[in-house]
Structure formats: structure tokens, C-alpha cells
Amino acid sequence: VQLQASGGGLVQPGGSLRLSCAASGLYTMGWFRQAPGKEREFVAAVMWTGGKTYYADSVKGRFTISRDNAKNTVYLQMNSLKPEDTAVYYCAAQNTLRGRVYYTTDYDYWGQGTQVTVSS
């Protein structure tokens, strides 16, 4: 299974970006991020069936995760971006239905990462 993430870039504080990740035949999809010198951290997740969503407290109200089942794609709309959102963003997927979404060990597949830089 290959996950293809895209949509990163350089944006000014307060700006927006939308990340995309193409995948198929999987269950929960998630986004994580890793800043230099820090551990990879959970950002958001969405159940492939039912659409229940989960968010880290640091992004609630600013980021929205969604999925398009017809296109086998999950999106992360990021608004009101802050410099502390700067990181490499990774999409991840589970290949079985689990009740856990917040830890890297909950996921079976990972994309290659896309850089998001928030700077003026």
C-alpha cells in the first residue's frame, strides 16, 4: 500500500494550506507532523466509514480533516496557520479497524511526508 501526500509549501502566518493523501482499501486515516528535534505527533484522524473525526488540541478549530471515498483521498485543511505548525506532515493509515488513533503505533502504513513552513 502506498500513501501519496501532497500540498505542502511555504505560507505566511494566518494563511491556509490543504494537504491531500491518496489511499484506498483502508480504515482510519490520520495526519501526523514532526518538527525538527521533536517527536512525531498526532494532528488529526478520520474513520473511513462513518466519518468520525479526531483532533489534537493544538489544531482544533483551525484544521479540518475530511475524506472523499469516491476519490480514495483524505484531506487536511489547515487555516489560521502559525509558525509552530511548521513541520513535515505525514499521512498514515490503518489496515484494520481499531479503536485507537492517537499514536504512531496505531498505524500500519505511512506516506513520505510533505513540508509545511509557516513564516513571514
C-alpha atoms as a PDB file:
ATOM      1  CA  VAL A   1       0.000   0.000   0.000  1.00  0.00           C
ATOM      2  CA  GLN A   2       1.374   3.372  -0.974  1.00  0.00           C
ATOM      3  CA  LEU A   3       0.251   6.644   0.515  1.00  0.00           C
ATOM      4  CA  GLN A   4       0.940   9.733  -1.534  1.00  0.00           C
ATOM      5  CA  ALA A   5       0.838  13.008   0.394  1.00  0.00           C
ATOM      6  CA  SER A   6       0.918  16.394  -1.316  1.00  0.00           C
ATOM      7  CA  GLY A   7       0.041  20.042  -0.808  1.00  0.00           C
ATOM      8  CA  GLY A   8       2.749  21.321   1.491  1.00  0.00           C
ATOM      9  CA  GLY A   9       4.568  24.594   0.993  1.00  0.00           C
ATOM     10  CA  LEU A  10       5.522  27.956   2.407  1.00  0.00           C
ATOM     11  CA  VAL A  11       2.755  30.149   3.793  1.00  0.00           C
ATOM     12  CA  GLN A  12       2.607  33.285   5.900  1.00  0.00           C
ATOM     13  CA  PRO A  13       1.177  33.222   9.425  1.00  0.00           C
ATOM     14  CA  GLY A  14      -2.599  33.334   9.269  1.00  0.00           C
ATOM     15  CA  GLY A  15      -2.629  31.673   5.861  1.00  0.00           C
ATOM     16  CA  SER A  16      -4.089  28.375   4.713  1.00  0.00           C
ATOM     17  CA  LEU A  17      -2.955  25.178   3.045  1.00  0.00           C
ATOM     18  CA  ARG A  18      -4.697  21.961   2.096  1.00  0.00           C
ATOM     19  CA  LEU A  19      -2.876  18.667   2.264  1.00  0.00           C
ATOM     20  CA  SER A  20      -4.052  15.610   0.358  1.00  0.00           C
ATOM     21  CA  CYS A  21      -3.286  11.936   0.737  1.00  0.00           C
ATOM     22  CA  ALA A  22      -4.401   9.308  -1.745  1.00  0.00           C
ATOM     23  CA  ALA A  23      -5.077   5.780  -0.482  1.00  0.00           C
ATOM     24  CA  SER A  24      -7.594   3.005  -0.901  1.00  0.00           C
ATOM     25  CA  GLY A  25      -8.949  -0.038   0.854  1.00  0.00           C
ATOM     26  CA  LEU A  26      -8.011   1.173   4.302  1.00  0.00           C
ATOM     27  CA  TYR A  27      -9.699   2.142   7.518  1.00  0.00           C
ATOM     28  CA  THR A  28      -8.819   5.079   9.735  1.00  0.00           C
ATOM     29  CA  MET A  29      -6.615   7.686   8.092  1.00  0.00           C
ATOM     30  CA  GLY A  30      -4.540  10.108  10.084  1.00  0.00           C
ATOM     31  CA  TRP A  31      -2.171  13.034   9.828  1.00  0.00           C
ATOM     32  CA  PHE A  32       0.905  13.412  11.993  1.00  0.00           C
ATOM     33  CA  ARG A  33       3.645  16.009  11.976  1.00  0.00           C
ATOM     34  CA  GLN A  34       7.241  16.168  13.035  1.00  0.00           C
ATOM     35  CA  ALA A  35       9.182  19.337  13.666  1.00  0.00           C
ATOM     36  CA  PRO A  36      13.000  19.363  13.789  1.00  0.00           C
ATOM     37  CA  GLY A  37      14.259  17.870  17.030  1.00  0.00           C
ATOM     38  CA  LYS A  38      10.799  16.771  18.125  1.00  0.00           C
ATOM     39  CA  GLU A  39       8.881  13.534  18.122  1.00  0.00           C
ATOM     40  CA  ARG A  40       6.211  12.827  15.566  1.00  0.00           C
ATOM     41  CA  GLU A  41       2.875  13.965  16.945  1.00  0.00           C
ATOM     42  CA  PHE A  42      -0.757  13.310  16.176  1.00  0.00           C
ATOM     43  CA  VAL A  43      -2.664  16.016  14.294  1.00  0.00           C
ATOM     44  CA  ALA A  44      -5.987  14.577  13.130  1.00  0.00           C
ATOM     45  CA  ALA A  45      -7.719  11.368  12.066  1.00  0.00           C
ATOM     46  CA  VAL A  46     -10.903  10.307  10.307  1.00  0.00           C
ATOM     47  CA  MET A  47     -12.685   6.978  10.236  1.00  0.00           C
ATOM     48  CA  TRP A  48     -13.143   5.764   6.660  1.00  0.00           C
ATOM     49  CA  THR A  49     -16.660   4.571   7.453  1.00  0.00           C
ATOM     50  CA  GLY A  50     -18.922   6.841   9.451  1.00  0.00           C
ATOM     51  CA  GLY A  51     -16.538   9.763   9.173  1.00  0.00           C
ATOM     52  CA  LYS A  52     -15.882  10.329  12.872  1.00  0.00           C
ATOM     53  CA  THR A  53     -13.024  12.780  13.318  1.00  0.00           C
ATOM     54  CA  TYR A  54     -10.373  13.327  15.967  1.00  0.00           C
ATOM     55  CA  TYR A  55      -8.079  16.327  16.512  1.00  0.00           C
ATOM     56  CA  ALA A  56      -5.134  17.332  18.614  1.00  0.00           C
ATOM     57  CA  ASP A  57      -5.979  20.192  20.964  1.00  0.00           C
ATOM     58  CA  SER A  58      -3.372  22.374  19.280  1.00  0.00           C
ATOM     59  CA  VAL A  59      -5.227  22.341  15.948  1.00  0.00           C
ATOM     60  CA  LYS A  60      -8.881  22.187  16.990  1.00  0.00           C
ATOM     61  CA  GLY A  61     -10.891  24.943  15.372  1.00  0.00           C
ATOM     62  CA  ARG A  62      -8.161  25.631  12.788  1.00  0.00           C
ATOM     63  CA  PHE A  63      -7.673  22.318  10.963  1.00  0.00           C
ATOM     64  CA  THR A  64     -10.306  20.138   9.351  1.00  0.00           C
ATOM     65  CA  ILE A  65      -9.796  16.564   8.222  1.00  0.00           C
ATOM     66  CA  SER A  66     -12.116  15.077   5.636  1.00  0.00           C
ATOM     67  CA  ARG A  67     -12.226  12.237   3.169  1.00  0.00           C
ATOM     68  CA  ASP A  68     -13.614  11.649  -0.292  1.00  0.00           C
ATOM     69  CA  ASN A  69     -14.396   7.973  -0.570  1.00  0.00           C
ATOM     70  CA  ALA A  70     -15.016   8.193  -4.311  1.00  0.00           C
ATOM     71  CA  LYS A  71     -11.517   9.571  -4.850  1.00  0.00           C
ATOM     72  CA  ASN A  72      -9.922   7.483  -2.088  1.00  0.00           C
ATOM     73  CA  THR A  73      -8.399  10.666  -0.739  1.00  0.00           C
ATOM     74  CA  VAL A  74      -8.151  12.253   2.687  1.00  0.00           C
ATOM     75  CA  TYR A  75      -7.625  15.992   3.106  1.00  0.00           C
ATOM     76  CA  LEU A  76      -6.292  18.216   5.850  1.00  0.00           C
ATOM     77  CA  GLN A  77      -7.482  21.796   5.506  1.00  0.00           C
ATOM     78  CA  MET A  78      -5.242  23.998   7.612  1.00  0.00           C
ATOM     79  CA  ASN A  79      -6.384  27.537   8.377  1.00  0.00           C
ATOM     80  CA  SER A  80      -5.002  30.282  10.610  1.00  0.00           C
ATOM     81  CA  LEU A  81      -1.588  28.717  10.382  1.00  0.00           C
ATOM     82  CA  LYS A  82       1.006  29.603  12.984  1.00  0.00           C
ATOM     83  CA  PRO A  83       4.815  29.364  12.913  1.00  0.00           C
ATOM     84  CA  GLU A  84       4.572  26.500  15.403  1.00  0.00           C
ATOM     85  CA  ASP A  85       2.677  24.483  12.779  1.00  0.00           C
ATOM     86  CA  THR A  86       5.903  24.261  10.780  1.00  0.00           C
ATOM     87  CA  ALA A  87       6.791  20.591  10.359  1.00  0.00           C
ATOM     88  CA  VAL A  88       6.896  17.703   7.972  1.00  0.00           C
ATOM     89  CA  TYR A  89       3.367  16.344   7.749  1.00  0.00           C
ATOM     90  CA  TYR A  90       2.774  12.636   7.250  1.00  0.00           C
ATOM     91  CA  CYS A  91      -0.377  10.790   6.346  1.00  0.00           C
ATOM     92  CA  ALA A  92      -0.902   7.361   7.856  1.00  0.00           C
ATOM     93  CA  ALA A  93      -3.414   4.556   7.559  1.00  0.00           C
ATOM     94  CA  GLN A  94      -4.695   1.559   9.440  1.00  0.00           C
ATOM     95  CA  ASN A  95      -5.297  -1.709   7.616  1.00  0.00           C
ATOM     96  CA  THR A  96      -7.762  -2.959  10.190  1.00  0.00           C
ATOM     97  CA  LEU A  97     -10.478  -1.368  12.239  1.00  0.00           C
ATOM     98  CA  ARG A  98      -9.078  -0.256  15.585  1.00  0.00           C
ATOM     99  CA  GLY A  99     -10.396   1.953  18.328  1.00  0.00           C
ATOM    100  CA  ARG A 100      -7.111   3.834  18.683  1.00  0.00           C
ATOM    101  CA  VAL A 101      -5.961   6.781  16.574  1.00  0.00           C
ATOM    102  CA  TYR A 102      -3.549   8.953  18.551  1.00  0.00           C
ATOM    103  CA  TYR A 103      -0.244   7.067  18.433  1.00  0.00           C
ATOM    104  CA  THR A 104       2.135   6.275  15.598  1.00  0.00           C
ATOM    105  CA  THR A 105       1.987   2.613  16.576  1.00  0.00           C
ATOM    106  CA  ASP A 106      -1.747   2.591  15.794  1.00  0.00           C
ATOM    107  CA  TYR A 107      -0.978   2.886  12.066  1.00  0.00           C
ATOM    108  CA  ASP A 108       0.282   0.363   9.546  1.00  0.00           C
ATOM    109  CA  TYR A 109       1.220   2.497   6.532  1.00  0.00           C
ATOM    110  CA  TRP A 110       2.916   5.869   6.161  1.00  0.00           C
ATOM    111  CA  GLY A 111       3.331   8.380   3.383  1.00  0.00           C
ATOM    112  CA  GLN A 112       6.613  10.072   2.534  1.00  0.00           C
ATOM    113  CA  GLY A 113       5.869  13.394   4.231  1.00  0.00           C
ATOM    114  CA  THR A 114       5.305  16.883   2.923  1.00  0.00           C
ATOM    115  CA  GLN A 115       6.943  20.019   4.312  1.00  0.00           C
ATOM    116  CA  VAL A 116       4.786  22.812   5.708  1.00  0.00           C
ATOM    117  CA  THR A 117       6.584  26.026   6.587  1.00  0.00           C
ATOM    118  CA  VAL A 118       4.769  28.932   8.212  1.00  0.00           C
ATOM    119  CA  SER A 119       6.904  32.036   8.133  1.00  0.00           C
ATOM    120  CA  SER A 120       6.764  35.692   7.212  1.00  0.00           C
END
